[in-house]
Amino acid sequence: MKVLYNIIYPEQFCSTRIYTHPEFEEELKNILEYSGYKEKFIRMYRQRLKFLEEYQNQCYKKRDWFEILKKTAGFVFDEI
């Protein structure tokens, strides 16, 4: 099993809750560097990471930002 890391690319984001797979950042870098959308992506990525950090399991409140994974029951959270 591989160890998860703090996010470094496309900019450093240190969190005690959000981590990335070691191969994710390299794949993301390969896609972004030549896409022409790097700056736009970074702004949106930063915004969504901050939202996740702040709202954690209440991220379902911003459904247009996060997709429901295939073969899952979707978001199943009880309101507290």
C-alpha atoms as a PDB file:
ATOM      1  CA  MET A   1       0.000   0.000   0.000  1.00  0.00           C
ATOM      2  CA  LYS A   2       1.342   3.416  -0.942  1.00  0.00           C
ATOM      3  CA  VAL A   3       1.508   6.299   1.494  1.00  0.00           C
ATOM      4  CA  LEU A   4      -0.672   9.366   0.875  1.00  0.00           C
ATOM      5  CA  TYR A   5       0.933  12.815   0.748  1.00  0.00           C
ATOM      6  CA  ASN A   6       0.019  16.438   1.257  1.00  0.00           C
ATOM      7  CA  ILE A   7      -0.788  18.181  -1.999  1.00  0.00           C
ATOM      8  CA  ILE A   8       2.227  19.874  -3.599  1.00  0.00           C
ATOM      9  CA  TYR A   9       1.203  20.398  -7.237  1.00  0.00           C
ATOM     10  CA  PRO A  10      -0.153  22.606  -8.759  1.00  0.00           C
ATOM     11  CA  GLU A  11       0.469  24.545  -5.553  1.00  0.00           C
ATOM     12  CA  GLN A  12       1.169  23.468  -2.012  1.00  0.00           C
ATOM     13  CA  PHE A  13      -1.893  22.756   0.110  1.00  0.00           C
ATOM     14  CA  CYS A  14      -1.263  21.333   3.573  1.00  0.00           C
ATOM     15  CA  SER A  15      -4.197  19.724   5.280  1.00  0.00           C
ATOM     16  CA  THR A  16      -4.721  17.266   8.086  1.00  0.00           C
ATOM     17  CA  ARG A  17      -7.709  15.797   6.194  1.00  0.00           C
ATOM     18  CA  ILE A  18      -7.000  16.007   2.460  1.00  0.00           C
ATOM     19  CA  TYR A  19      -4.233  13.921   0.903  1.00  0.00           C
ATOM     20  CA  THR A  20      -3.249  12.790  -2.567  1.00  0.00           C
ATOM     21  CA  HIS A  21      -2.046   9.537  -4.058  1.00  0.00           C
ATOM     22  CA  PRO A  22       1.674   9.670  -4.928  1.00  0.00           C
ATOM     23  CA  GLU A  23       1.030   9.196  -8.653  1.00  0.00           C
ATOM     24  CA  PHE A  24      -1.815  11.726  -8.843  1.00  0.00           C
ATOM     25  CA  GLU A  25       0.300  14.887  -8.913  1.00  0.00           C
ATOM     26  CA  GLU A  26       2.609  13.616 -11.650  1.00  0.00           C
ATOM     27  CA  GLU A  27      -0.360  12.650 -13.835  1.00  0.00           C
ATOM     28  CA  LEU A  28      -2.054  15.991 -13.134  1.00  0.00           C
ATOM     29  CA  LYS A  29       1.141  17.836 -14.009  1.00  0.00           C
ATOM     30  CA  ASN A  30       1.421  15.986 -17.318  1.00  0.00           C
ATOM     31  CA  ILE A  31      -2.145  16.969 -18.199  1.00  0.00           C
ATOM     32  CA  LEU A  32      -2.034  20.601 -17.051  1.00  0.00           C
ATOM     33  CA  GLU A  33       1.336  21.784 -18.302  1.00  0.00           C
ATOM     34  CA  TYR A  34       0.265  21.770 -21.944  1.00  0.00           C
ATOM     35  CA  SER A  35      -3.484  22.209 -21.597  1.00  0.00           C
ATOM     36  CA  GLY A  36      -3.698  26.003 -21.675  1.00  0.00           C
ATOM     37  CA  TYR A  37      -6.012  25.828 -18.652  1.00  0.00           C
ATOM     38  CA  LYS A  38      -3.460  25.635 -15.867  1.00  0.00           C
ATOM     39  CA  GLU A  39      -4.160  29.040 -14.263  1.00  0.00           C
ATOM     40  CA  LYS A  40      -7.940  28.592 -14.419  1.00  0.00           C
ATOM     41  CA  PHE A  41      -7.638  25.082 -13.018  1.00  0.00           C
ATOM     42  CA  ILE A  42      -5.419  26.248 -10.140  1.00  0.00           C
ATOM     43  CA  ARG A  43      -7.975  28.887  -9.082  1.00  0.00           C
ATOM     44  CA  MET A  44     -10.830  26.382  -9.106  1.00  0.00           C
ATOM     45  CA  TYR A  45      -8.746  23.635  -7.451  1.00  0.00           C
ATOM     46  CA  ARG A  46      -7.685  25.972  -4.623  1.00  0.00           C
ATOM     47  CA  GLN A  47     -11.271  27.123  -4.106  1.00  0.00           C
ATOM     48  CA  ARG A  48     -12.626  23.584  -3.880  1.00  0.00           C
ATOM     49  CA  LEU A  49      -9.849  22.325  -1.608  1.00  0.00           C
ATOM     50  CA  LYS A  50     -10.513  25.181   0.805  1.00  0.00           C
ATOM     51  CA  PHE A  51     -14.227  24.393   0.693  1.00  0.00           C
ATOM     52  CA  LEU A  52     -13.572  20.697   1.430  1.00  0.00           C
ATOM     53  CA  GLU A  53     -11.229  21.597   4.280  1.00  0.00           C
ATOM     54  CA  GLU A  54     -13.827  23.897   5.833  1.00  0.00           C
ATOM     55  CA  TYR A  55     -17.037  21.916   5.265  1.00  0.00           C
ATOM     56  CA  GLN A  56     -15.645  18.354   5.231  1.00  0.00           C
ATOM     57  CA  ASN A  57     -18.539  15.872   5.062  1.00  0.00           C
ATOM     58  CA  GLN A  58     -21.004  18.644   4.266  1.00  0.00           C
ATOM     59  CA  CYS A  59     -19.483  19.118   0.812  1.00  0.00           C
ATOM     60  CA  TYR A  60     -22.689  17.695  -0.652  1.00  0.00           C
ATOM     61  CA  LYS A  61     -24.134  21.187  -0.177  1.00  0.00           C
ATOM     62  CA  LYS A  62     -22.152  22.223  -3.254  1.00  0.00           C
ATOM     63  CA  ARG A  63     -23.168  19.373  -5.564  1.00  0.00           C
ATOM     64  CA  ASP A  64     -22.184  21.242  -8.719  1.00  0.00           C
ATOM     65  CA  TRP A  65     -18.546  21.157  -7.558  1.00  0.00           C
ATOM     66  CA  PHE A  66     -18.278  17.473  -6.659  1.00  0.00           C
ATOM     67  CA  GLU A  67     -19.349  14.465  -8.661  1.00  0.00           C
ATOM     68  CA  ILE A  68     -20.892  11.369  -7.163  1.00  0.00           C
ATOM     69  CA  LEU A  69     -18.641   8.388  -7.766  1.00  0.00           C
ATOM     70  CA  LYS A  70     -19.959   5.603  -9.956  1.00  0.00           C
ATOM     71  CA  LYS A  71     -21.092   2.415  -8.234  1.00  0.00           C
ATOM     72  CA  THR A  72     -21.710   4.214  -4.938  1.00  0.00           C
ATOM     73  CA  ALA A  73     -24.851   5.165  -3.058  1.00  0.00           C
ATOM     74  CA  GLY A  74     -23.901   8.816  -3.539  1.00  0.00           C
ATOM     75  CA  PHE A  75     -23.768  11.238  -0.665  1.00  0.00           C
ATOM     76  CA  VAL A  76     -25.310   9.728   2.436  1.00  0.00           C
ATOM     77  CA  PHE A  77     -24.815  12.091   5.351  1.00  0.00           C
ATOM     78  CA  ASP A  78     -27.114  12.844   8.223  1.00  0.00           C
ATOM     79  CA  GLU A  79     -27.602  16.472   9.112  1.00  0.00           C
ATOM     80  CA  ILE A  80     -26.245  17.218  12.548  1.00  0.00           C
END
